[in-house]
Amino acid sequence: MALTTTSNYSGKAAGFYISAALKQATSLDFLTMIENIKFKSNIQKMAATGMIQNADCNFTGAGTLALTENVLEPKNLMINTDLCKKELLDSWEALQMRAGAGAPPPASFDDYVVSYLGEVIANGVENDVWGGDNGAGRFLGFLDAAAGSISTGAGIVASSASAAYTAANIIANLQTAVSDLAANIPAVLRKEDLYIYMNSKTYSFYVSAISTLGYVNAYNMNGDYEPVFEGYKIAVCPGMVDNQVVIAEKSNLFFGTDLLSDQTRIAIMDMAALDGSDNMRVVARYSAGVQTGINSDILRQS
C-alpha cells in the first residue's frame, strides 16, 4: 500500500490537493531529441583531414574521412504503485466518495494522481539529464563521474572556476569559461545553437550580479527576454549540478527515448473487478538517456 494520509478532516472537503514544487524537464528544450529508440542508437561522427588540395587536370586522391560513433542507450524506467481506496475515507475527499462498497474515488483524485506523477517523472528526468548516476530508478547523466561523461570524457575542454559560484564571482567565472572556449574551441563561438548551460541557482547569482551593476531593467522576468552573457545564450536548466557550467551546441547534446509522450502516459487501474481487492494500481513506463556527440566541442567549468 503506497498511499498514506495525514488528515485533520472535520466534515468538509477543501476540494483540491497540493504538493511540493517539482522541476519541469526544462533541459529537454535545449537538447537534441532522438525518439523511437527501442534499444540503442549510434550517434555518428565524421572527421575529414587533408581533403583540399591544389587543382590540376588529373584525379588525385587525397585526404581521409574517419567515421566514429557514440552509443545512446536509453534506460527503461517505470512507476508501479498501489493506492488503497479505503485510506481515502479518512481524507478530505470523504464526502465526495460515491455511495456503495468499493466505490472508486472521485475524478479529482484520479486527475491529481496522474498530474502529480507526471511531474514526478519530469522532475526525475530533469535531475538525471545532468546528475543521474545510473542507480536504481535513474539513468546516467551528462555530469556524473562515470567514464565517458562530460565530467571525465576524453576531449572535453576543462575550465576551472575560481571558487564556488556566488553573485560576487559569477561574472568573472563566466568570463573565464568564455575565454577558455575562445582559446580552445573557436569554431563554435558564433554557432546559432550554442548555449551556456547553468542551473537556476547559478542564474540567480548572475541576475543579482548584473542588478548590482545597474542592468536590472534588462532582465525583466515578466517579459520575453532571452538570457544572455556577453552575447552568448544561457540555458537555465533546474536539474543542472551546482557550481558547474557547460558550454555546448544544442546539436551536440542528445536526449534519447522510445516515445517522448510515454513520460506523460500514466494509467490508473481499479483492481476490484480483477482480484477483489480495494486497491487501485498506478502504472507508467518510459525510457530516457543522454549522450554527447563531439566531445572536443564541449567545455565544462567546475
C-alpha atoms as a PDB file:
ATOM      1  CA  MET A   1       0.000   0.000   0.000  1.00  0.00           C
ATOM      2  CA  ALA A   2       1.701   3.189  -1.195  1.00  0.00           C
ATOM      3  CA  LEU A   3      -0.879   5.788  -0.129  1.00  0.00           C
ATOM      4  CA  THR A   4      -0.644   7.259   3.368  1.00  0.00           C
ATOM      5  CA  THR A   5      -2.830  10.023   4.736  1.00  0.00           C
ATOM      6  CA  THR A   6      -2.347  12.619   7.425  1.00  0.00           C
ATOM      7  CA  SER A   7      -5.671  14.366   7.834  1.00  0.00           C
ATOM      8  CA  ASN A   8      -7.490  16.816  10.072  1.00  0.00           C
ATOM      9  CA  TYR A   9     -10.770  16.062   8.304  1.00  0.00           C
ATOM     10  CA  SER A  10     -13.694  17.559  10.233  1.00  0.00           C
ATOM     11  CA  GLY A  11     -16.623  17.228   7.867  1.00  0.00           C
ATOM     12  CA  LYS A  12     -15.989  19.355   4.772  1.00  0.00           C
ATOM     13  CA  ALA A  13     -13.520  18.891   1.922  1.00  0.00           C
ATOM     14  CA  ALA A  14     -11.282  21.685   0.717  1.00  0.00           C
ATOM     15  CA  GLY A  15     -11.871  20.436  -2.831  1.00  0.00           C
ATOM     16  CA  PHE A  16      -8.273  20.285  -4.057  1.00  0.00           C
ATOM     17  CA  TYR A  17      -4.863  18.784  -3.352  1.00  0.00           C
ATOM     18  CA  ILE A  18      -1.481  20.475  -3.201  1.00  0.00           C
ATOM     19  CA  SER A  19       2.044  19.041  -3.393  1.00  0.00           C
ATOM     20  CA  ALA A  20       5.632  20.248  -3.138  1.00  0.00           C
ATOM     21  CA  ALA A  21       7.040  22.068  -6.142  1.00  0.00           C
ATOM     22  CA  LEU A  22       8.847  19.830  -8.627  1.00  0.00           C
ATOM     23  CA  LYS A  23      11.152  20.652 -11.507  1.00  0.00           C
ATOM     24  CA  GLN A  24       9.887  20.541 -15.059  1.00  0.00           C
ATOM     25  CA  ALA A  25      12.023  18.804 -17.666  1.00  0.00           C
ATOM     26  CA  THR A  26      13.196  22.181 -18.971  1.00  0.00           C
ATOM     27  CA  SER A  27      16.561  20.834 -20.120  1.00  0.00           C
ATOM     28  CA  LEU A  28      14.883  18.912 -22.942  1.00  0.00           C
ATOM     29  CA  ASP A  29      14.180  22.248 -24.667  1.00  0.00           C
ATOM     30  CA  PHE A  30      17.935  22.704 -25.046  1.00  0.00           C
ATOM     31  CA  LEU A  31      18.889  19.187 -26.168  1.00  0.00           C
ATOM     32  CA  THR A  32      18.587  17.391 -29.485  1.00  0.00           C
ATOM     33  CA  MET A  33      15.772  14.849 -29.206  1.00  0.00           C
ATOM     34  CA  ILE A  34      16.037  11.343 -30.680  1.00  0.00           C
ATOM     35  CA  GLU A  35      12.877   9.246 -30.404  1.00  0.00           C
ATOM     36  CA  ASN A  36      11.932   5.716 -31.445  1.00  0.00           C
ATOM     37  CA  ILE A  37      14.973   4.137 -29.789  1.00  0.00           C
ATOM     38  CA  LYS A  38      13.968   0.605 -28.822  1.00  0.00           C
ATOM     39  CA  PHE A  39      17.430  -0.402 -27.658  1.00  0.00           C
ATOM     40  CA  LYS A  40      20.395   1.663 -28.847  1.00  0.00           C
ATOM     41  CA  SER A  41      21.124   4.444 -31.314  1.00  0.00           C
ATOM     42  CA  ASN A  42      24.510   5.298 -32.794  1.00  0.00           C
ATOM     43  CA  ILE A  43      25.451   8.977 -32.988  1.00  0.00           C
ATOM     44  CA  GLN A  44      27.818   9.025 -35.953  1.00  0.00           C
ATOM     45  CA  LYS A  45      30.696  11.499 -36.130  1.00  0.00           C
ATOM     46  CA  MET A  46      32.627  12.260 -39.308  1.00  0.00           C
ATOM     47  CA  ALA A  47      36.051  13.910 -39.392  1.00  0.00           C
ATOM     48  CA  ALA A  48      37.873  14.948 -42.585  1.00  0.00           C
ATOM     49  CA  THR A  49      41.598  15.660 -42.880  1.00  0.00           C
ATOM     50  CA  GLY A  50      43.690  16.713 -45.855  1.00  0.00           C
ATOM     51  CA  MET A  51      40.741  16.826 -48.260  1.00  0.00           C
ATOM     52  CA  ILE A  52      41.559  20.120 -50.006  1.00  0.00           C
ATOM     53  CA  GLN A  53      44.491  20.232 -52.442  1.00  0.00           C
ATOM     54  CA  ASN A  54      45.780  22.264 -55.354  1.00  0.00           C
ATOM     55  CA  ALA A  55      43.801  21.709 -58.561  1.00  0.00           C
ATOM     56  CA  ASP A  56      45.271  20.021 -61.662  1.00  0.00           C
ATOM     57  CA  CYS A  57      43.924  18.173 -64.686  1.00  0.00           C
ATOM     58  CA  ASN A  58      44.060  14.695 -63.155  1.00  0.00           C
ATOM     59  CA  PHE A  59      42.105  12.929 -60.430  1.00  0.00           C
ATOM     60  CA  THR A  60      44.461  12.711 -57.472  1.00  0.00           C
ATOM     61  CA  GLY A  61      43.035  11.134 -54.365  1.00  0.00           C
ATOM     62  CA  ALA A  62      43.933  12.881 -51.120  1.00  0.00           C
ATOM     63  CA  GLY A  63      42.729  13.136 -47.578  1.00  0.00           C
ATOM     64  CA  THR A  64      40.985  10.805 -45.181  1.00  0.00           C
ATOM     65  CA  LEU A  65      37.434  10.621 -43.891  1.00  0.00           C
ATOM     66  CA  ALA A  66      37.088   8.979 -40.477  1.00  0.00           C
ATOM     67  CA  LEU A  67      33.709   7.819 -39.176  1.00  0.00           C
ATOM     68  CA  THR A  68      33.291   7.137 -35.468  1.00  0.00           C
ATOM     69  CA  GLU A  69      30.252   6.889 -33.228  1.00  0.00           C
ATOM     70  CA  ASN A  70      28.915   7.330 -29.709  1.00  0.00           C
ATOM     71  CA  VAL A  71      26.191   4.996 -28.453  1.00  0.00           C
ATOM     72  CA  LEU A  72      22.988   6.377 -26.941  1.00  0.00           C
ATOM     73  CA  GLU A  73      21.211   3.677 -24.920  1.00  0.00           C
ATOM     74  CA  PRO A  74      18.101   4.907 -23.078  1.00  0.00           C
ATOM     75  CA  LYS A  75      17.313   3.147 -19.817  1.00  0.00           C
ATOM     76  CA  ASN A  76      13.863   1.651 -19.249  1.00  0.00           C
ATOM     77  CA  LEU A  77      12.160   3.050 -16.142  1.00  0.00           C
ATOM     78  CA  MET A  78       8.733   2.707 -14.557  1.00  0.00           C
ATOM     79  CA  ILE A  79       6.361   3.698 -11.771  1.00  0.00           C
ATOM     80  CA  ASN A  80       4.287   0.906 -10.188  1.00  0.00           C
ATOM     81  CA  THR A  81       2.323   1.657  -7.031  1.00  0.00           C
ATOM     82  CA  ASP A  82      -0.852   0.579  -5.239  1.00  0.00           C
ATOM     83  CA  LEU A  83      -3.366   3.011  -3.751  1.00  0.00           C
ATOM     84  CA  CYS A  84      -5.879   1.614  -1.264  1.00  0.00           C
ATOM     85  CA  LYS A  85      -9.272   3.281  -1.705  1.00  0.00           C
ATOM     86  CA  LYS A  86     -10.099   2.585   1.938  1.00  0.00           C
ATOM     87  CA  GLU A  87      -7.476   5.108   3.008  1.00  0.00           C
ATOM     88  CA  LEU A  88      -9.437   7.864   1.282  1.00  0.00           C
ATOM     89  CA  LEU A  89     -12.254   7.525   3.823  1.00  0.00           C
ATOM     90  CA  ASP A  90     -10.058   9.414   6.289  1.00  0.00           C
ATOM     91  CA  SER A  91      -9.093  12.087   3.806  1.00  0.00           C
ATOM     92  CA  TRP A  92     -10.605  15.404   2.887  1.00  0.00           C
ATOM     93  CA  GLU A  93     -12.360  13.773  -0.077  1.00  0.00           C
ATOM     94  CA  ALA A  94     -14.544  11.545   2.124  1.00  0.00           C
ATOM     95  CA  LEU A  95     -17.751  13.434   1.375  1.00  0.00           C
ATOM     96  CA  GLN A  96     -17.138  13.145  -2.367  1.00  0.00           C
ATOM     97  CA  MET A  97     -16.922   9.340  -2.367  1.00  0.00           C
ATOM     98  CA  ARG A  98     -19.890   7.830  -4.179  1.00  0.00           C
ATOM     99  CA  ALA A  99     -22.183   5.671  -2.092  1.00  0.00           C
ATOM    100  CA  GLY A 100     -21.688   1.910  -2.144  1.00  0.00           C
ATOM    101  CA  ALA A 101     -18.983  -0.562  -1.144  1.00  0.00           C
ATOM    102  CA  GLY A 102     -15.929  -0.465  -3.386  1.00  0.00           C
ATOM    103  CA  ALA A 103     -16.858   2.887  -4.936  1.00  0.00           C
ATOM    104  CA  PRO A 104     -13.875   4.465  -6.725  1.00  0.00           C
ATOM    105  CA  PRO A 105     -12.521   7.806  -5.525  1.00  0.00           C
ATOM    106  CA  PRO A 106     -13.777  10.989  -7.187  1.00  0.00           C
ATOM    107  CA  ALA A 107     -12.339  12.041 -10.514  1.00  0.00           C
ATOM    108  CA  SER A 108     -10.486  14.911  -8.875  1.00  0.00           C
ATOM    109  CA  PHE A 109      -8.253  12.429  -7.075  1.00  0.00           C
ATOM    110  CA  ASP A 110      -7.543  10.446 -10.258  1.00  0.00           C
ATOM    111  CA  ASP A 111      -6.694  13.641 -12.095  1.00  0.00           C
ATOM    112  CA  TYR A 112      -4.409  14.784  -9.316  1.00  0.00           C
ATOM    113  CA  VAL A 113      -2.544  11.456  -9.113  1.00  0.00           C
ATOM    114  CA  VAL A 114      -1.955  11.422 -12.881  1.00  0.00           C
ATOM    115  CA  SER A 115      -0.857  15.056 -12.909  1.00  0.00           C
ATOM    116  CA  TYR A 116       1.394  14.730  -9.882  1.00  0.00           C
ATOM    117  CA  LEU A 117       3.112  11.529 -11.032  1.00  0.00           C
ATOM    118  CA  GLY A 118       3.660  13.177 -14.421  1.00  0.00           C
ATOM    119  CA  GLU A 119       5.525  15.904 -12.538  1.00  0.00           C
ATOM    120  CA  VAL A 120       7.466  13.259 -10.601  1.00  0.00           C
ATOM    121  CA  ILE A 121       8.629  11.730 -13.893  1.00  0.00           C
ATOM    122  CA  ALA A 122       9.543  15.150 -15.333  1.00  0.00           C
ATOM    123  CA  ASN A 123      11.423  16.004 -12.135  1.00  0.00           C
ATOM    124  CA  GLY A 124      13.373  12.745 -12.309  1.00  0.00           C
ATOM    125  CA  VAL A 125      14.232  13.259 -15.985  1.00  0.00           C
ATOM    126  CA  GLU A 126      15.378  16.849 -15.362  1.00  0.00           C
ATOM    127  CA  ASN A 127      17.666  15.838 -12.496  1.00  0.00           C
ATOM    128  CA  ASP A 128      19.080  12.775 -14.256  1.00  0.00           C
ATOM    129  CA  VAL A 129      19.862  14.558 -17.543  1.00  0.00           C
ATOM    130  CA  TRP A 130      22.744  16.227 -15.700  1.00  0.00           C
ATOM    131  CA  GLY A 131      23.399  14.404 -12.410  1.00  0.00           C
ATOM    132  CA  GLY A 132      21.961  10.913 -12.914  1.00  0.00           C
ATOM    133  CA  ASP A 133      24.207   8.156 -11.556  1.00  0.00           C
ATOM    134  CA  ASN A 134      22.562   5.162 -13.319  1.00  0.00           C
ATOM    135  CA  GLY A 135      21.444   3.787  -9.956  1.00  0.00           C
ATOM    136  CA  ALA A 136      18.031   2.306  -9.185  1.00  0.00           C
ATOM    137  CA  GLY A 137      15.341   4.369 -10.916  1.00  0.00           C
ATOM    138  CA  ARG A 138      17.893   6.706 -12.507  1.00  0.00           C
ATOM    139  CA  PHE A 139      19.728   6.955 -15.815  1.00  0.00           C
ATOM    140  CA  LEU A 140      23.307   8.158 -16.392  1.00  0.00           C
ATOM    141  CA  GLY A 141      23.543  11.938 -16.728  1.00  0.00           C
ATOM    142  CA  PHE A 142      25.953  14.251 -18.510  1.00  0.00           C
ATOM    143  CA  LEU A 143      27.808  15.311 -15.355  1.00  0.00           C
ATOM    144  CA  ASP A 144      28.085  12.085 -13.391  1.00  0.00           C
ATOM    145  CA  ALA A 145      31.666  10.997 -12.717  1.00  0.00           C
ATOM    146  CA  ALA A 146      31.251   7.802 -14.748  1.00  0.00           C
ATOM    147  CA  ALA A 147      33.694   7.173 -17.556  1.00  0.00           C
ATOM    148  CA  GLY A 148      32.742   8.850 -20.802  1.00  0.00           C
ATOM    149  CA  SER A 149      30.549  11.569 -19.317  1.00  0.00           C
ATOM    150  CA  ILE A 150      31.166  15.292 -19.753  1.00  0.00           C
ATOM    151  CA  SER A 151      32.910  15.166 -16.370  1.00  0.00           C
ATOM    152  CA  THR A 152      35.502  12.616 -17.490  1.00  0.00           C
ATOM    153  CA  GLY A 153      35.104  12.171 -21.235  1.00  0.00           C
ATOM    154  CA  ALA A 154      38.179  12.324 -23.445  1.00  0.00           C
ATOM    155  CA  GLY A 155      38.479  15.591 -25.329  1.00  0.00           C
ATOM    156  CA  ILE A 156      36.175  17.668 -23.117  1.00  0.00           C
ATOM    157  CA  VAL A 157      37.697  21.139 -22.609  1.00  0.00           C
ATOM    158  CA  ALA A 158      38.108  21.827 -18.870  1.00  0.00           C
ATOM    159  CA  SER A 159      37.775  25.320 -17.399  1.00  0.00           C
ATOM    160  CA  SER A 160      38.368  25.868 -13.691  1.00  0.00           C
ATOM    161  CA  ALA A 161      36.201  28.194 -11.613  1.00  0.00           C
ATOM    162  CA  SER A 162      37.967  30.398  -9.073  1.00  0.00           C
ATOM    163  CA  ALA A 163      35.621  29.175  -6.307  1.00  0.00           C
ATOM    164  CA  ALA A 164      32.057  28.028  -5.713  1.00  0.00           C
ATOM    165  CA  TYR A 165      29.740  30.355  -7.609  1.00  0.00           C
ATOM    166  CA  THR A 166      28.427  33.466  -5.848  1.00  0.00           C
ATOM    167  CA  ALA A 167      26.955  36.746  -7.005  1.00  0.00           C
ATOM    168  CA  ALA A 168      30.378  38.305  -6.378  1.00  0.00           C
ATOM    169  CA  ASN A 169      32.346  35.960  -8.671  1.00  0.00           C
ATOM    170  CA  ILE A 170      29.890  34.590 -11.225  1.00  0.00           C
ATOM    171  CA  ILE A 171      30.697  37.158 -13.927  1.00  0.00           C
ATOM    172  CA  ALA A 172      34.440  36.597 -13.590  1.00  0.00           C
ATOM    173  CA  ASN A 173      33.951  32.820 -13.744  1.00  0.00           C
ATOM    174  CA  LEU A 174      31.740  33.059 -16.834  1.00  0.00           C
ATOM    175  CA  GLN A 175      34.323  35.315 -18.470  1.00  0.00           C
ATOM    176  CA  THR A 176      36.973  32.675 -17.750  1.00  0.00           C
ATOM    177  CA  ALA A 177      34.774  29.989 -19.305  1.00  0.00           C
ATOM    178  CA  VAL A 178      34.131  32.031 -22.447  1.00  0.00           C
ATOM    179  CA  SER A 179      37.839  32.898 -22.748  1.00  0.00           C
ATOM    180  CA  ASP A 180      38.753  29.207 -22.486  1.00  0.00           C
ATOM    181  CA  LEU A 181      36.100  28.450 -25.107  1.00  0.00           C
ATOM    182  CA  ALA A 182      37.590  31.037 -27.470  1.00  0.00           C
ATOM    183  CA  ALA A 183      41.101  29.715 -26.922  1.00  0.00           C
ATOM    184  CA  ASN A 184      40.255  26.036 -27.369  1.00  0.00           C
ATOM    185  CA  ILE A 185      37.083  25.757 -29.488  1.00  0.00           C
ATOM    186  CA  PRO A 186      36.896  28.956 -31.587  1.00  0.00           C
ATOM    187  CA  ALA A 187      34.895  27.206 -34.311  1.00  0.00           C
ATOM    188  CA  VAL A 188      31.741  27.063 -32.139  1.00  0.00           C
ATOM    189  CA  LEU A 189      31.787  30.676 -30.932  1.00  0.00           C
ATOM    190  CA  ARG A 190      29.162  32.038 -33.321  1.00  0.00           C
ATOM    191  CA  LYS A 191      27.078  28.903 -33.721  1.00  0.00           C
ATOM    192  CA  GLU A 192      23.366  29.698 -33.562  1.00  0.00           C
ATOM    193  CA  ASP A 193      22.590  26.826 -31.164  1.00  0.00           C
ATOM    194  CA  LEU A 194      25.471  27.481 -28.737  1.00  0.00           C
ATOM    195  CA  TYR A 195      24.322  27.732 -25.114  1.00  0.00           C
ATOM    196  CA  ILE A 196      25.827  28.307 -21.685  1.00  0.00           C
ATOM    197  CA  TYR A 197      24.078  25.675 -19.548  1.00  0.00           C
ATOM    198  CA  MET A 198      23.607  26.546 -15.862  1.00  0.00           C
ATOM    199  CA  ASN A 199      21.106  25.824 -13.124  1.00  0.00           C
ATOM    200  CA  SER A 200      18.569  28.194 -11.583  1.00  0.00           C
ATOM    201  CA  LYS A 201      20.794  28.911  -8.582  1.00  0.00           C
ATOM    202  CA  THR A 202      23.732  29.950 -10.736  1.00  0.00           C
ATOM    203  CA  TYR A 203      21.460  32.065 -12.910  1.00  0.00           C
ATOM    204  CA  SER A 204      20.099  33.826  -9.820  1.00  0.00           C
ATOM    205  CA  PHE A 205      23.697  34.760  -8.912  1.00  0.00           C
ATOM    206  CA  TYR A 206      24.152  36.159 -12.402  1.00  0.00           C
ATOM    207  CA  VAL A 207      20.940  38.210 -12.232  1.00  0.00           C
ATOM    208  CA  SER A 208      21.995  39.538  -8.825  1.00  0.00           C
ATOM    209  CA  ALA A 209      25.420  40.478 -10.178  1.00  0.00           C
ATOM    210  CA  ILE A 210      24.133  42.399 -13.179  1.00  0.00           C
ATOM    211  CA  SER A 211      21.473  44.046 -10.998  1.00  0.00           C
ATOM    212  CA  THR A 212      24.241  45.341  -8.752  1.00  0.00           C
ATOM    213  CA  LEU A 213      25.922  46.742 -11.845  1.00  0.00           C
ATOM    214  CA  GLY A 214      22.741  48.624 -12.733  1.00  0.00           C
ATOM    215  CA  TYR A 215      21.387  46.434 -15.537  1.00  0.00           C
ATOM    216  CA  VAL A 216      18.362  45.072 -13.685  1.00  0.00           C
ATOM    217  CA  ASN A 217      15.908  46.567 -16.222  1.00  0.00           C
ATOM    218  CA  ALA A 218      17.405  44.406 -18.952  1.00  0.00           C
ATOM    219  CA  TYR A 219      16.387  41.321 -17.039  1.00  0.00           C
ATOM    220  CA  ASN A 220      12.653  41.833 -16.702  1.00  0.00           C
ATOM    221  CA  MET A 221      11.389  38.382 -15.670  1.00  0.00           C
ATOM    222  CA  ASN A 222       7.886  39.226 -16.920  1.00  0.00           C
ATOM    223  CA  GLY A 223       8.950  39.868 -20.492  1.00  0.00           C
ATOM    224  CA  ASP A 224      10.195  37.732 -23.367  1.00  0.00           C
ATOM    225  CA  TYR A 225      13.840  38.408 -22.670  1.00  0.00           C
ATOM    226  CA  GLU A 226      16.256  35.661 -23.661  1.00  0.00           C
ATOM    227  CA  PRO A 227      19.005  35.265 -21.033  1.00  0.00           C
ATOM    228  CA  VAL A 228      22.453  36.034 -22.456  1.00  0.00           C
ATOM    229  CA  PHE A 229      26.003  36.589 -21.247  1.00  0.00           C
ATOM    230  CA  GLU A 230      28.195  38.764 -23.473  1.00  0.00           C
ATOM    231  CA  GLY A 231      26.059  37.732 -26.447  1.00  0.00           C
ATOM    232  CA  TYR A 232      26.030  34.003 -25.668  1.00  0.00           C
ATOM    233  CA  LYS A 233      22.619  32.478 -24.915  1.00  0.00           C
ATOM    234  CA  ILE A 234      22.025  30.991 -21.470  1.00  0.00           C
ATOM    235  CA  ALA A 235      20.025  27.788 -20.992  1.00  0.00           C
ATOM    236  CA  VAL A 236      18.633  27.763 -17.456  1.00  0.00           C
ATOM    237  CA  CYS A 237      18.267  24.086 -16.520  1.00  0.00           C
ATOM    238  CA  PRO A 238      16.882  23.421 -12.996  1.00  0.00           C
ATOM    239  CA  GLY A 239      18.456  19.955 -12.828  1.00  0.00           C
ATOM    240  CA  MET A 240      21.964  21.185 -13.599  1.00  0.00           C
ATOM    241  CA  VAL A 241      24.566  20.355 -10.933  1.00  0.00           C
ATOM    242  CA  ASP A 242      25.576  23.206  -8.591  1.00  0.00           C
ATOM    243  CA  ASN A 243      28.817  25.074  -9.331  1.00  0.00           C
ATOM    244  CA  GLN A 244      29.121  23.683 -12.838  1.00  0.00           C
ATOM    245  CA  VAL A 245      28.620  25.258 -16.242  1.00  0.00           C
ATOM    246  CA  VAL A 246      28.640  23.569 -19.632  1.00  0.00           C
ATOM    247  CA  ILE A 247      29.043  25.436 -22.930  1.00  0.00           C
ATOM    248  CA  ALA A 248      27.987  23.410 -25.951  1.00  0.00           C
ATOM    249  CA  GLU A 249      25.805  23.364 -29.031  1.00  0.00           C
ATOM    250  CA  LYS A 250      22.280  22.011 -28.667  1.00  0.00           C
ATOM    251  CA  SER A 251      23.020  19.854 -31.705  1.00  0.00           C
ATOM    252  CA  ASN A 252      25.910  18.227 -29.802  1.00  0.00           C
ATOM    253  CA  LEU A 253      23.951  17.128 -26.706  1.00  0.00           C
ATOM    254  CA  PHE A 254      21.401  14.351 -27.206  1.00  0.00           C
ATOM    255  CA  PHE A 255      18.421  13.021 -25.264  1.00  0.00           C
ATOM    256  CA  GLY A 256      17.062   9.656 -26.350  1.00  0.00           C
ATOM    257  CA  THR A 257      13.793   7.872 -25.629  1.00  0.00           C
ATOM    258  CA  ASP A 258      11.390   5.448 -27.255  1.00  0.00           C
ATOM    259  CA  LEU A 259       8.456   7.860 -27.310  1.00  0.00           C
ATOM    260  CA  LEU A 260       8.516  11.209 -25.508  1.00  0.00           C
ATOM    261  CA  SER A 261       4.794  11.049 -24.719  1.00  0.00           C
ATOM    262  CA  ASP A 262       5.415   7.851 -22.708  1.00  0.00           C
ATOM    263  CA  GLN A 263       6.544  10.149 -19.901  1.00  0.00           C
ATOM    264  CA  THR A 264       3.015  11.521 -19.611  1.00  0.00           C
ATOM    265  CA  ARG A 265       1.099   8.264 -20.230  1.00  0.00           C
ATOM    266  CA  ILE A 266       0.023   7.168 -16.752  1.00  0.00           C
ATOM    267  CA  ALA A 267      -2.667   4.526 -16.183  1.00  0.00           C
ATOM    268  CA  ILE A 268      -4.857   4.032 -13.110  1.00  0.00           C
ATOM    269  CA  MET A 269      -6.491   0.596 -12.831  1.00  0.00           C
ATOM    270  CA  ASP A 270      -9.236  -0.344 -10.358  1.00  0.00           C
ATOM    271  CA  MET A 271      -8.360  -3.863  -9.160  1.00  0.00           C
ATOM    272  CA  ALA A 272     -11.743  -4.651  -7.574  1.00  0.00           C
ATOM    273  CA  ALA A 273     -13.073  -6.453 -10.656  1.00  0.00           C
ATOM    274  CA  LEU A 274      -9.812  -8.386 -11.159  1.00  0.00           C
ATOM    275  CA  ASP A 275      -8.769  -9.659  -7.732  1.00  0.00           C
ATOM    276  CA  GLY A 276     -11.480  -8.433  -5.398  1.00  0.00           C
ATOM    277  CA  SER A 277      -9.111  -6.068  -3.609  1.00  0.00           C
ATOM    278  CA  ASP A 278      -9.771  -2.476  -2.662  1.00  0.00           C
ATOM    279  CA  ASN A 279      -6.638  -1.290  -4.461  1.00  0.00           C
ATOM    280  CA  MET A 280      -6.003   0.923  -7.437  1.00  0.00           C
ATOM    281  CA  ARG A 281      -2.776   0.410  -9.355  1.00  0.00           C
ATOM    282  CA  VAL A 282      -0.880   3.281 -10.931  1.00  0.00           C
ATOM    283  CA  VAL A 283       1.428   2.335 -13.803  1.00  0.00           C
ATOM    284  CA  ALA A 284       3.830   4.306 -16.002  1.00  0.00           C
ATOM    285  CA  ARG A 285       6.642   3.061 -18.232  1.00  0.00           C
ATOM    286  CA  TYR A 286       9.132   5.135 -20.205  1.00  0.00           C
ATOM    287  CA  SER A 287      12.784   5.275 -21.253  1.00  0.00           C
ATOM    288  CA  ALA A 288      15.403   8.013 -21.119  1.00  0.00           C
ATOM    289  CA  GLY A 289      19.121   8.538 -21.706  1.00  0.00           C
ATOM    290  CA  VAL A 290      21.658  11.154 -22.802  1.00  0.00           C
ATOM    291  CA  GLN A 291      24.831  11.182 -24.874  1.00  0.00           C
ATOM    292  CA  THR A 292      27.289  13.684 -26.289  1.00  0.00           C
ATOM    293  CA  GLY A 293      28.335  13.997 -29.903  1.00  0.00           C
ATOM    294  CA  ILE A 294      31.788  15.546 -30.424  1.00  0.00           C
ATOM    295  CA  ASN A 295      33.485  15.899 -27.042  1.00  0.00           C
ATOM    296  CA  SER A 296      36.126  18.315 -28.255  1.00  0.00           C
ATOM    297  CA  ASP A 297      33.380  20.875 -28.979  1.00  0.00           C
ATOM    298  CA  ILE A 298      32.177  20.915 -25.355  1.00  0.00           C
ATOM    299  CA  LEU A 299      33.525  22.994 -22.448  1.00  0.00           C
ATOM    300  CA  ARG A 300      32.837  22.271 -18.804  1.00  0.00           C
ATOM    301  CA  GLN A 301      33.636  24.570 -15.906  1.00  0.00           C
ATOM    302  CA  SER A 302      33.695  23.210 -12.377  1.00  0.00           C
END
